[in-house]
PDB file of N, CA and C in Angstrom:
ATOM      1  N   MET A   1     -28.115-116.405  -7.551  1.00  0.00           N
ATOM      2  CA  MET A   1     -27.775-115.058  -7.206  1.00  0.00           C
ATOM      3  C   MET A   1     -28.461-114.097  -8.134  1.00  0.00           C
ATOM      4  N   SER A   2     -28.926-113.093  -7.555  1.00  0.00           N
ATOM      5  CA  SER A   2     -29.622-112.106  -8.374  1.00  0.00           C
ATOM      6  C   SER A   2     -28.769-110.868  -8.540  1.00  0.00           C
ATOM      7  N   ASN A   3     -28.980-110.153  -9.617  1.00  0.00           N
ATOM      8  CA  ASN A   3     -28.242-108.931  -9.909  1.00  0.00           C
ATOM      9  C   ASN A   3     -28.975-107.688  -9.395  1.00  0.00           C
ATOM     10  N   ALA A   4     -29.734-107.820  -8.377  1.00  0.00           N
ATOM     11  CA  ALA A   4     -30.476-106.678  -7.844  1.00  0.00           C
ATOM     12  C   ALA A   4     -29.509-105.706  -7.160  1.00  0.00           C
ATOM     13  N   ARG A   5     -29.659-104.458  -7.511  1.00  0.00           N
ATOM     14  CA  ARG A   5     -28.811-103.440  -6.878  1.00  0.00           C
ATOM     15  C   ARG A   5     -29.375-103.079  -5.512  1.00  0.00           C
ATOM     16  N   LYS A   6     -28.470-102.833  -4.602  1.00  0.00           N
ATOM     17  CA  LYS A   6     -28.908-102.399  -3.272  1.00  0.00           C
ATOM     18  C   LYS A   6     -28.862-100.865  -3.220  1.00  0.00           C
ATOM     19  N   ARG A   7     -29.919-100.289  -2.804  1.00  0.00           N
ATOM     20  CA  ARG A   7     -29.957 -98.834  -2.623  1.00  0.00           C
ATOM     21  C   ARG A   7     -29.402 -98.503  -1.237  1.00  0.00           C
ATOM     22  N   PRO A   8     -28.707 -97.388  -1.137  1.00  0.00           N
ATOM     23  CA  PRO A   8     -28.230 -97.017   0.192  1.00  0.00           C
ATOM     24  C   PRO A   8     -29.427 -96.707   1.076  1.00  0.00           C
ATOM     25  N   GLY A   9     -29.320 -97.083   2.306  1.00  0.00           N
ATOM     26  CA  GLY A   9     -30.423 -96.852   3.234  1.00  0.00           C
ATOM     27  C   GLY A   9     -30.529 -95.393   3.626  1.00  0.00           C
ATOM     28  N   LEU A  10     -31.647 -95.026   4.153  1.00  0.00           N
ATOM     29  CA  LEU A  10     -31.868 -93.654   4.594  1.00  0.00           C
ATOM     30  C   LEU A  10     -30.989 -93.317   5.794  1.00  0.00           C
ATOM     31  N   GLY A  11     -30.610 -94.323   6.552  1.00  0.00           N
ATOM     32  CA  GLY A  11     -29.733 -94.083   7.701  1.00  0.00           C
ATOM     33  C   GLY A  11     -28.383 -93.550   7.273  1.00  0.00           C
ATOM     34  N   GLY A  12     -27.841 -94.064   6.202  1.00  0.00           N
ATOM     35  CA  GLY A  12     -26.553 -93.587   5.687  1.00  0.00           C
ATOM     36  C   GLY A  12     -26.635 -92.154   5.210  1.00  0.00           C
ATOM     37  N   LEU A  13     -27.725 -91.809   4.521  1.00  0.00           N
ATOM     38  CA  LEU A  13     -27.912 -90.442   4.059  1.00  0.00           C
ATOM     39  C   LEU A  13     -28.117 -89.484   5.236  1.00  0.00           C
ATOM     40  N   ALA A  14     -28.859 -89.933   6.232  1.00  0.00           N
ATOM     41  CA  ALA A  14     -29.077 -89.101   7.425  1.00  0.00           C
ATOM     42  C   ALA A  14     -27.743 -88.862   8.142  1.00  0.00           C
ATOM     43  N   PHE A  15     -26.934 -89.906   8.275  1.00  0.00           N
ATOM     44  CA  PHE A  15     -25.623 -89.769   8.911  1.00  0.00           C
ATOM     45  C   PHE A  15     -24.740 -88.793   8.138  1.00  0.00           C
ATOM     46  N   LEU A  16     -24.751 -88.908   6.822  1.00  0.00           N
ATOM     47  CA  LEU A  16     -23.974 -88.001   5.989  1.00  0.00           C
ATOM     48  C   LEU A  16     -24.454 -86.562   6.144  1.00  0.00           C
ATOM     49  N   GLY A  17     -25.745 -86.365   6.162  1.00  0.00           N
ATOM     50  CA  GLY A  17     -26.316 -85.017   6.315  1.00  0.00           C
ATOM     51  C   GLY A  17     -25.970 -84.406   7.661  1.00  0.00           C
ATOM     52  N   VAL A  18     -26.107 -85.197   8.729  1.00  0.00           N
ATOM     53  CA  VAL A  18     -25.778 -84.699  10.073  1.00  0.00           C
ATOM     54  C   VAL A  18     -24.282 -84.402  10.169  1.00  0.00           C
ATOM     55  N   SER A  19     -23.451 -85.256   9.616  1.00  0.00           N
ATOM     56  CA  SER A  19     -22.000 -85.057   9.658  1.00  0.00           C
ATOM     57  C   SER A  19     -21.595 -83.780   8.923  1.00  0.00           C
ATOM     58  N   CYS A  20     -22.162 -83.570   7.741  1.00  0.00           N
ATOM     59  CA  CYS A  20     -21.848 -82.358   6.972  1.00  0.00           C
ATOM     60  C   CYS A  20     -22.339 -81.109   7.704  1.00  0.00           C
ATOM     61  N   SER A  21     -23.516 -81.202   8.322  1.00  0.00           N
ATOM     62  CA  SER A  21     -24.051 -80.060   9.068  1.00  0.00           C
ATOM     63  C   SER A  21     -23.158 -79.724  10.255  1.00  0.00           C
ATOM     64  N   LEU A  22     -22.731 -80.718  11.008  1.00  0.00           N
ATOM     65  CA  LEU A  22     -21.838 -80.480  12.142  1.00  0.00           C
ATOM     66  C   LEU A  22     -20.492 -79.917  11.696  1.00  0.00           C
ATOM     67  N   ALA A  23     -19.976 -80.452  10.606  1.00  0.00           N
ATOM     68  CA  ALA A  23     -18.701 -79.948  10.098  1.00  0.00           C
ATOM     69  C   ALA A  23     -18.836 -78.484   9.690  1.00  0.00           C
ATOM     70  N   ALA A  24     -19.921 -78.129   9.031  1.00  0.00           N
ATOM     71  CA  ALA A  24     -20.141 -76.740   8.620  1.00  0.00           C
ATOM     72  C   ALA A  24     -20.301 -75.833   9.848  1.00  0.00           C
ATOM     73  N   TYR A  25     -21.037 -76.295  10.849  1.00  0.00           N
ATOM     74  CA  TYR A  25     -21.247 -75.499  12.064  1.00  0.00           C
ATOM     75  C   TYR A  25     -19.924 -75.243  12.788  1.00  0.00           C
ATOM     76  N   PHE A  26     -19.126 -76.274  12.982  1.00  0.00           N
ATOM     77  CA  PHE A  26     -17.867 -76.118  13.698  1.00  0.00           C
ATOM     78  C   PHE A  26     -16.860 -75.287  12.898  1.00  0.00           C
ATOM     79  N   THR A  27     -16.896 -75.389  11.589  1.00  0.00           N
ATOM     80  CA  THR A  27     -16.022 -74.566  10.755  1.00  0.00           C
ATOM     81  C   THR A  27     -16.423 -73.095  10.872  1.00  0.00           C
ATOM     82  N   TYR A  28     -17.708 -72.823  10.815  1.00  0.00           N
ATOM     83  CA  TYR A  28     -18.200 -71.449  10.970  1.00  0.00           C
ATOM     84  C   TYR A  28     -17.827 -70.901  12.341  1.00  0.00           C
ATOM     85  N   SER A  29     -18.007 -71.704  13.391  1.00  0.00           N
ATOM     86  CA  SER A  29     -17.678 -71.261  14.740  1.00  0.00           C
ATOM     87  C   SER A  29     -16.183 -71.013  14.898  1.00  0.00           C
ATOM     88  N   ALA A  30     -15.369 -71.828  14.260  1.00  0.00           N
ATOM     89  CA  ALA A  30     -13.919 -71.665  14.369  1.00  0.00           C
ATOM     90  C   ALA A  30     -13.445 -70.388  13.680  1.00  0.00           C
ATOM     91  N   VAL A  31     -14.182 -69.931  12.697  1.00  0.00           N
ATOM     92  CA  VAL A  31     -13.767 -68.742  11.966  1.00  0.00           C
ATOM     93  C   VAL A  31     -14.427 -67.485  12.515  1.00  0.00           C
ATOM     94  N   GLN A  32     -15.744 -67.513  12.750  1.00  0.00           N
ATOM     95  CA  GLN A  32     -16.459 -66.301  13.113  1.00  0.00           C
ATOM     96  C   GLN A  32     -17.115 -66.340  14.477  1.00  0.00           C
ATOM     97  N   GLY A  33     -16.907 -67.347  15.254  1.00  0.00           N
ATOM     98  CA  GLY A  33     -17.527 -67.436  16.569  1.00  0.00           C
ATOM     99  C   GLY A  33     -16.881 -66.506  17.579  1.00  0.00           C
ATOM    100  N   ASN A  34     -17.345 -66.583  18.833  1.00  0.00           N
ATOM    101  CA  ASN A  34     -16.815 -65.734  19.894  1.00  0.00           C
ATOM    102  C   ASN A  34     -15.327 -65.981  20.131  1.00  0.00           C
ATOM    103  N   TYR A  35     -14.874 -67.170  19.881  1.00  0.00           N
ATOM    104  CA  TYR A  35     -13.471 -67.520  20.071  1.00  0.00           C
ATOM    105  C   TYR A  35     -12.799 -67.874  18.742  1.00  0.00           C
ATOM    106  N   GLY A  36     -13.330 -67.372  17.657  1.00  0.00           N
ATOM    107  CA  GLY A  36     -12.834 -67.713  16.326  1.00  0.00           C
ATOM    108  C   GLY A  36     -11.660 -66.853  15.899  1.00  0.00           C
ATOM    109  N   LEU A  37     -11.234 -67.082  14.677  1.00  0.00           N
ATOM    110  CA  LEU A  37     -10.067 -66.393  14.142  1.00  0.00           C
ATOM    111  C   LEU A  37     -10.287 -64.887  13.995  1.00  0.00           C
ATOM    112  N   PHE A  38     -11.459 -64.486  13.504  1.00  0.00           N
ATOM    113  CA  PHE A  38     -11.730 -63.068  13.326  1.00  0.00           C
ATOM    114  C   PHE A  38     -11.748 -62.341  14.662  1.00  0.00           C
ATOM    115  N   ARG A  39     -12.321 -62.972  15.682  1.00  0.00           N
ATOM    116  CA  ARG A  39     -12.352 -62.371  17.021  1.00  0.00           C
ATOM    117  C   ARG A  39     -10.929 -62.253  17.571  1.00  0.00           C
ATOM    118  N   ARG A  40     -10.097 -63.244  17.320  1.00  0.00           N
ATOM    119  CA  ARG A  40      -8.718 -63.206  17.794  1.00  0.00           C
ATOM    120  C   ARG A  40      -7.945 -62.055  17.136  1.00  0.00           C
ATOM    121  N   ILE A  41      -8.155 -61.868  15.838  1.00  0.00           N
ATOM    122  CA  ILE A  41      -7.497 -60.765  15.134  1.00  0.00           C
ATOM    123  C   ILE A  41      -7.961 -59.427  15.704  1.00  0.00           C
ATOM    124  N   GLN A  42      -9.252 -59.316  15.988  1.00  0.00           N
ATOM    125  CA  GLN A  42      -9.786 -58.086  16.562  1.00  0.00           C
ATOM    126  C   GLN A  42      -9.194 -57.834  17.948  1.00  0.00           C
ATOM    127  N   ILE A  43      -9.071 -58.860  18.758  1.00  0.00           N
ATOM    128  CA  ILE A  43      -8.505 -58.707  20.097  1.00  0.00           C
ATOM    129  C   ILE A  43      -7.039 -58.302  20.019  1.00  0.00           C
ATOM    130  N   GLU A  44      -6.285 -58.897  19.097  1.00  0.00           N
ATOM    131  CA  GLU A  44      -4.877 -58.531  18.936  1.00  0.00           C
ATOM    132  C   GLU A  44      -4.744 -57.074  18.495  1.00  0.00           C
ATOM    133  N   SER A  45      -5.647 -56.606  17.648  1.00  0.00           N
ATOM    134  CA  SER A  45      -5.637 -55.210  17.229  1.00  0.00           C
ATOM    135  C   SER A  45      -5.944 -54.299  18.416  1.00  0.00           C
ATOM    136  N   ASP A  46      -6.927 -54.678  19.223  1.00  0.00           N
ATOM    137  CA  ASP A  46      -7.261 -53.896  20.421  1.00  0.00           C
ATOM    138  C   ASP A  46      -6.085 -53.856  21.393  1.00  0.00           C
ATOM    139  N   VAL A  47      -5.393 -54.966  21.540  1.00  0.00           N
ATOM    140  CA  VAL A  47      -4.229 -55.016  22.430  1.00  0.00           C
ATOM    141  C   VAL A  47      -3.149 -54.062  21.943  1.00  0.00           C
ATOM    142  N   ALA A  48      -2.899 -54.050  20.643  1.00  0.00           N
ATOM    143  CA  ALA A  48      -1.878 -53.150  20.088  1.00  0.00           C
ATOM    144  C   ALA A  48      -2.253 -51.691  20.314  1.00  0.00           C
ATOM    145  N   GLN A  49      -3.519 -51.349  20.123  1.00  0.00           N
ATOM    146  CA  GLN A  49      -3.965 -49.974  20.346  1.00  0.00           C
ATOM    147  C   GLN A  49      -3.839 -49.592  21.811  1.00  0.00           C
ATOM    148  N   LEU A  50      -4.227 -50.494  22.708  1.00  0.00           N
ATOM    149  CA  LEU A  50      -4.147 -50.197  24.132  1.00  0.00           C
ATOM    150  C   LEU A  50      -2.700 -50.091  24.608  1.00  0.00           C
ATOM    151  N   GLU A  51      -1.801 -50.895  24.046  1.00  0.00           N
ATOM    152  CA  GLU A  51      -0.393 -50.777  24.411  1.00  0.00           C
ATOM    153  C   GLU A  51       0.186 -49.441  23.944  1.00  0.00           C
ATOM    154  N   ALA A  52      -0.217 -48.991  22.770  1.00  0.00           N
ATOM    155  CA  ALA A  52       0.237 -47.683  22.282  1.00  0.00           C
ATOM    156  C   ALA A  52      -0.293 -46.574  23.175  1.00  0.00           C
ATOM    157  N   ARG A  53      -1.540 -46.695  23.586  1.00  0.00           N
ATOM    158  CA  ARG A  53      -2.132 -45.686  24.479  1.00  0.00           C
ATOM    159  C   ARG A  53      -1.433 -45.703  25.827  1.00  0.00           C
ATOM    160  N   ARG A  54      -1.121 -46.905  26.327  1.00  0.00           N
ATOM    161  CA  ARG A  54      -0.416 -47.016  27.604  1.00  0.00           C
ATOM    162  C   ARG A  54       0.961 -46.368  27.516  1.00  0.00           C
ATOM    163  N   ALA A  55       1.658 -46.556  26.398  1.00  0.00           N
ATOM    164  CA  ALA A  55       2.975 -45.935  26.223  1.00  0.00           C
ATOM    165  C   ALA A  55       2.858 -44.409  26.216  1.00  0.00           C
ATOM    166  N   ALA A  56       1.834 -43.895  25.549  1.00  0.00           N
ATOM    167  CA  ALA A  56       1.628 -42.445  25.512  1.00  0.00           C
ATOM    168  C   ALA A  56       1.314 -41.907  26.907  1.00  0.00           C
ATOM    169  N   LEU A  57       0.470 -42.639  27.647  1.00  0.00           N
ATOM    170  CA  LEU A  57       0.133 -42.205  28.999  1.00  0.00           C
ATOM    171  C   LEU A  57       1.332 -42.294  29.933  1.00  0.00           C
ATOM    172  N   THR A  58       2.175 -43.300  29.742  1.00  0.00           N
ATOM    173  CA  THR A  58       3.385 -43.421  30.560  1.00  0.00           C
ATOM    174  C   THR A  58       4.309 -42.232  30.313  1.00  0.00           C
ATOM    175  N   THR A  59       4.434 -41.829  29.056  1.00  0.00           N
ATOM    176  CA  THR A  59       5.246 -40.661  28.723  1.00  0.00           C
ATOM    177  C   THR A  59       4.658 -39.400  29.350  1.00  0.00           C
ATOM    178  N   GLU A  60       3.340 -39.267  29.271  1.00  0.00           N
ATOM    179  CA  GLU A  60       2.684 -38.098  29.850  1.00  0.00           C
ATOM    180  C   GLU A  60       2.854 -38.072  31.365  1.00  0.00           C
ATOM    181  N   ILE A  61       2.774 -39.223  32.007  1.00  0.00           N
ATOM    182  CA  ILE A  61       2.972 -39.292  33.454  1.00  0.00           C
ATOM    183  C   ILE A  61       4.395 -38.893  33.823  1.00  0.00           C
ATOM    184  N   ALA A  62       5.353 -39.339  33.033  1.00  0.00           N
ATOM    185  CA  ALA A  62       6.748 -38.977  33.300  1.00  0.00           C
ATOM    186  C   ALA A  62       6.944 -37.470  33.189  1.00  0.00           C
ATOM    187  N   VAL A  63       6.336 -36.848  32.189  1.00  0.00           N
ATOM    188  CA  VAL A  63       6.444 -35.398  32.025  1.00  0.00           C
ATOM    189  C   VAL A  63       5.814 -34.682  33.218  1.00  0.00           C
ATOM    190  N   LEU A  64       4.639 -35.129  33.640  1.00  0.00           N
ATOM    191  CA  LEU A  64       3.962 -34.495  34.779  1.00  0.00           C
ATOM    192  C   LEU A  64       4.731 -34.711  36.079  1.00  0.00           C
ATOM    193  N   GLU A  65       5.327 -35.893  36.263  1.00  0.00           N
ATOM    194  CA  GLU A  65       6.137 -36.134  37.453  1.00  0.00           C
ATOM    195  C   GLU A  65       7.356 -35.222  37.465  1.00  0.00           C
ATOM    196  N   ASN A  66       7.946 -35.002  36.290  1.00  0.00           N
ATOM    197  CA  ASN A  66       9.093 -34.103  36.188  1.00  0.00           C
ATOM    198  C   ASN A  66       8.691 -32.683  36.559  1.00  0.00           C
ATOM    199  N   LYS A  67       7.556 -32.228  36.041  1.00  0.00           N
ATOM    200  CA  LYS A  67       7.094 -30.879  36.377  1.00  0.00           C
ATOM    201  C   LYS A  67       6.752 -30.766  37.854  1.00  0.00           C
ATOM    202  N   THR A  68       6.149 -31.804  38.407  1.00  0.00           N
ATOM    203  CA  THR A  68       5.810 -31.800  39.827  1.00  0.00           C
ATOM    204  C   THR A  68       7.076 -31.729  40.676  1.00  0.00           C
ATOM    205  N   ARG A  69       8.087 -32.499  40.296  1.00  0.00           N
ATOM    206  CA  ARG A  69       9.344 -32.472  41.043  1.00  0.00           C
ATOM    207  C   ARG A  69      10.001 -31.100  40.929  1.00  0.00           C
ATOM    208  N   ARG A  70       9.921 -30.484  39.753  1.00  0.00           N
ATOM    209  CA  ARG A  70      10.538 -29.178  39.558  1.00  0.00           C
ATOM    210  C   ARG A  70       9.814 -28.076  40.304  1.00  0.00           C
ATOM    211  N   MET A  71       8.547 -28.298  40.662  1.00  0.00           N
ATOM    212  CA  MET A  71       7.788 -27.298  41.420  1.00  0.00           C
ATOM    213  C   MET A  71       7.779 -27.598  42.920  1.00  0.00           C
ATOM    214  N   SER A  72       8.438 -28.647  43.361  1.00  0.00           N
ATOM    215  CA  SER A  72       8.412 -29.023  44.768  1.00  0.00           C
ATOM    216  C   SER A  72       9.300 -28.100  45.603  1.00  0.00           C
ATOM    217  N   ASP A  73       9.195 -28.237  46.920  1.00  0.00           N
ATOM    218  CA  ASP A  73       9.990 -27.414  47.829  1.00  0.00           C
ATOM    219  C   ASP A  73      11.467 -27.774  47.778  1.00  0.00           C
ATOM    220  N   ASP A  74      11.777 -29.022  47.504  1.00  0.00           N
ATOM    221  CA  ASP A  74      13.170 -29.463  47.487  1.00  0.00           C
ATOM    222  C   ASP A  74      13.929 -28.917  46.278  1.00  0.00           C
ATOM    223  N   TYR A  75      13.259 -28.772  45.166  1.00  0.00           N
ATOM    224  CA  TYR A  75      13.912 -28.342  43.924  1.00  0.00           C
ATOM    225  C   TYR A  75      12.959 -27.398  43.212  1.00  0.00           C
ATOM    226  N   LEU A  76      13.218 -26.114  43.283  1.00  0.00           N
ATOM    227  CA  LEU A  76      12.329 -25.137  42.677  1.00  0.00           C
ATOM    228  C   LEU A  76      12.968 -24.587  41.402  1.00  0.00           C
ATOM    229  N   ASP A  77      12.313 -24.787  40.286  1.00  0.00           N
ATOM    230  CA  ASP A  77      12.790 -24.282  38.999  1.00  0.00           C
ATOM    231  C   ASP A  77      12.110 -22.932  38.759  1.00  0.00           C
ATOM    232  N   LEU A  78      12.877 -21.873  38.819  1.00  0.00           N
ATOM    233  CA  LEU A  78      12.311 -20.529  38.714  1.00  0.00           C
ATOM    234  C   LEU A  78      11.727 -20.251  37.339  1.00  0.00           C
ATOM    235  N   ASP A  79      12.341 -20.816  36.296  1.00  0.00           N
ATOM    236  CA  ASP A  79      11.794 -20.621  34.949  1.00  0.00           C
ATOM    237  C   ASP A  79      10.418 -21.264  34.812  1.00  0.00           C
ATOM    238  N   LEU A  80      10.258 -22.462  35.360  1.00  0.00           N
ATOM    239  CA  LEU A  80       8.957 -23.126  35.309  1.00  0.00           C
ATOM    240  C   LEU A  80       7.935 -22.382  36.149  1.00  0.00           C
ATOM    241  N   LEU A  81       8.359 -21.883  37.312  1.00  0.00           N
ATOM    242  CA  LEU A  81       7.459 -21.106  38.162  1.00  0.00           C
ATOM    243  C   LEU A  81       6.997 -19.847  37.427  1.00  0.00           C
ATOM    244  N   ASP A  82       7.914 -19.173  36.761  1.00  0.00           N
ATOM    245  CA  ASP A  82       7.582 -17.972  35.992  1.00  0.00           C
ATOM    246  C   ASP A  82       6.606 -18.310  34.861  1.00  0.00           C
ATOM    247  N   GLU A  83       6.868 -19.393  34.160  1.00  0.00           N
ATOM    248  CA  GLU A  83       5.993 -19.812  33.060  1.00  0.00           C
ATOM    249  C   GLU A  83       4.584 -20.118  33.558  1.00  0.00           C
ATOM    250  N   ARG A  84       4.467 -20.851  34.648  1.00  0.00           N
ATOM    251  CA  ARG A  84       3.151 -21.213  35.174  1.00  0.00           C
ATOM    252  C   ARG A  84       2.418 -19.982  35.704  1.00  0.00           C
ATOM    253  N   ALA A  85       3.123 -19.072  36.357  1.00  0.00           N
ATOM    254  CA  ALA A  85       2.479 -17.856  36.860  1.00  0.00           C
ATOM    255  C   ALA A  85       1.939 -17.021  35.708  1.00  0.00           C
ATOM    256  N   ARG A  86       2.682 -16.958  34.632  1.00  0.00           N
ATOM    257  CA  ARG A  86       2.208 -16.209  33.462  1.00  0.00           C
ATOM    258  C   ARG A  86       0.981 -16.882  32.839  1.00  0.00           C
ATOM    259  N   ALA A  87       1.014 -18.222  32.733  1.00  0.00           N
ATOM    260  CA  ALA A  87      -0.088 -18.940  32.077  1.00  0.00           C
ATOM    261  C   ALA A  87      -1.349 -18.928  32.929  1.00  0.00           C
ATOM    262  N   VAL A  88      -1.202 -19.170  34.214  1.00  0.00           N
ATOM    263  CA  VAL A  88      -2.383 -19.319  35.070  1.00  0.00           C
ATOM    264  C   VAL A  88      -2.910 -17.959  35.528  1.00  0.00           C
ATOM    265  N   LEU A  89      -2.030 -17.097  35.998  1.00  0.00           N
ATOM    266  CA  LEU A  89      -2.469 -15.838  36.582  1.00  0.00           C
ATOM    267  C   LEU A  89      -2.476 -14.679  35.590  1.00  0.00           C
ATOM    268  N   GLY A  90      -1.854 -14.868  34.451  1.00  0.00           N
ATOM    269  CA  GLY A  90      -1.818 -13.803  33.455  1.00  0.00           C
ATOM    270  C   GLY A  90      -0.858 -12.689  33.863  1.00  0.00           C
ATOM    271  N   MET A  91       0.162 -13.034  34.608  1.00  0.00           N
ATOM    272  CA  MET A  91       1.116 -12.033  35.081  1.00  0.00           C
ATOM    273  C   MET A  91       2.097 -11.656  33.978  1.00  0.00           C
ATOM    274  N   VAL A  92       2.548 -10.404  34.003  1.00  0.00           N
ATOM    275  CA  VAL A  92       3.574  -9.902  33.096  1.00  0.00           C
ATOM    276  C   VAL A  92       4.561  -9.067  33.920  1.00  0.00           C
ATOM    277  N   ARG A  93       5.767  -8.962  33.392  1.00  0.00           N
ATOM    278  CA  ARG A  93       6.741  -8.112  34.060  1.00  0.00           C
ATOM    279  C   ARG A  93       6.509  -6.656  33.657  1.00  0.00           C
ATOM    280  N   ALA A  94       7.112  -5.758  34.415  1.00  0.00           N
ATOM    281  CA  ALA A  94       6.903  -4.329  34.173  1.00  0.00           C
ATOM    282  C   ALA A  94       7.534  -3.886  32.857  1.00  0.00           C
ATOM    283  N   ASP A  95       8.572  -4.572  32.417  1.00  0.00           N
ATOM    284  CA  ASP A  95       9.260  -4.142  31.201  1.00  0.00           C
ATOM    285  C   ASP A  95       8.728  -4.816  29.937  1.00  0.00           C
ATOM    286  N   GLU A  96       7.635  -5.532  30.007  1.00  0.00           N
ATOM    287  CA  GLU A  96       7.069  -6.250  28.856  1.00  0.00           C
ATOM    288  C   GLU A  96       5.886  -5.498  28.273  1.00  0.00           C
ATOM    289  N   ILE A  97       5.687  -5.672  26.996  1.00  0.00           N
ATOM    290  CA  ILE A  97       4.535  -5.093  26.300  1.00  0.00           C
ATOM    291  C   ILE A  97       3.620  -6.229  25.882  1.00  0.00           C
ATOM    292  N   VAL A  98       2.336  -6.132  26.230  1.00  0.00           N
ATOM    293  CA  VAL A  98       1.374  -7.185  25.915  1.00  0.00           C
ATOM    294  C   VAL A  98       0.627  -6.798  24.643  1.00  0.00           C
ATOM    295  N   ILE A  99       0.650  -7.691  23.682  1.00  0.00           N
ATOM    296  CA  ILE A  99      -0.077  -7.473  22.428  1.00  0.00           C
ATOM    297  C   ILE A  99      -1.164  -8.518  22.341  1.00  0.00           C
ATOM    298  N   ARG A 100      -2.381  -8.083  22.177  1.00  0.00           N
ATOM    299  CA  ARG A 100      -3.506  -9.013  22.082  1.00  0.00           C
ATOM    300  C   ARG A 100      -4.157  -8.929  20.745  1.00  0.00           C
TER     301      ARG A 100
END
């Protein structure tokens, strides 16, 4: 028996290199890829912003629906009619003084 040391073959080193490269690639993709963690955080932030905007728009729609109902033929709010006539047409009553 001889005491000759065996050197690792190039195949083992190539396998190790390819394995490390694939592991690094998949780790990078899992963190920063199109479907990675950073993209998920960004999408969740966008969802939160859009939900807040939707809530604001829902409130605005409710206000406009209320004003529309108050200006309809079935239910006429004279105060709202007076306010809109003043704002849109620039109307004033005879007993008012306009200061500009």
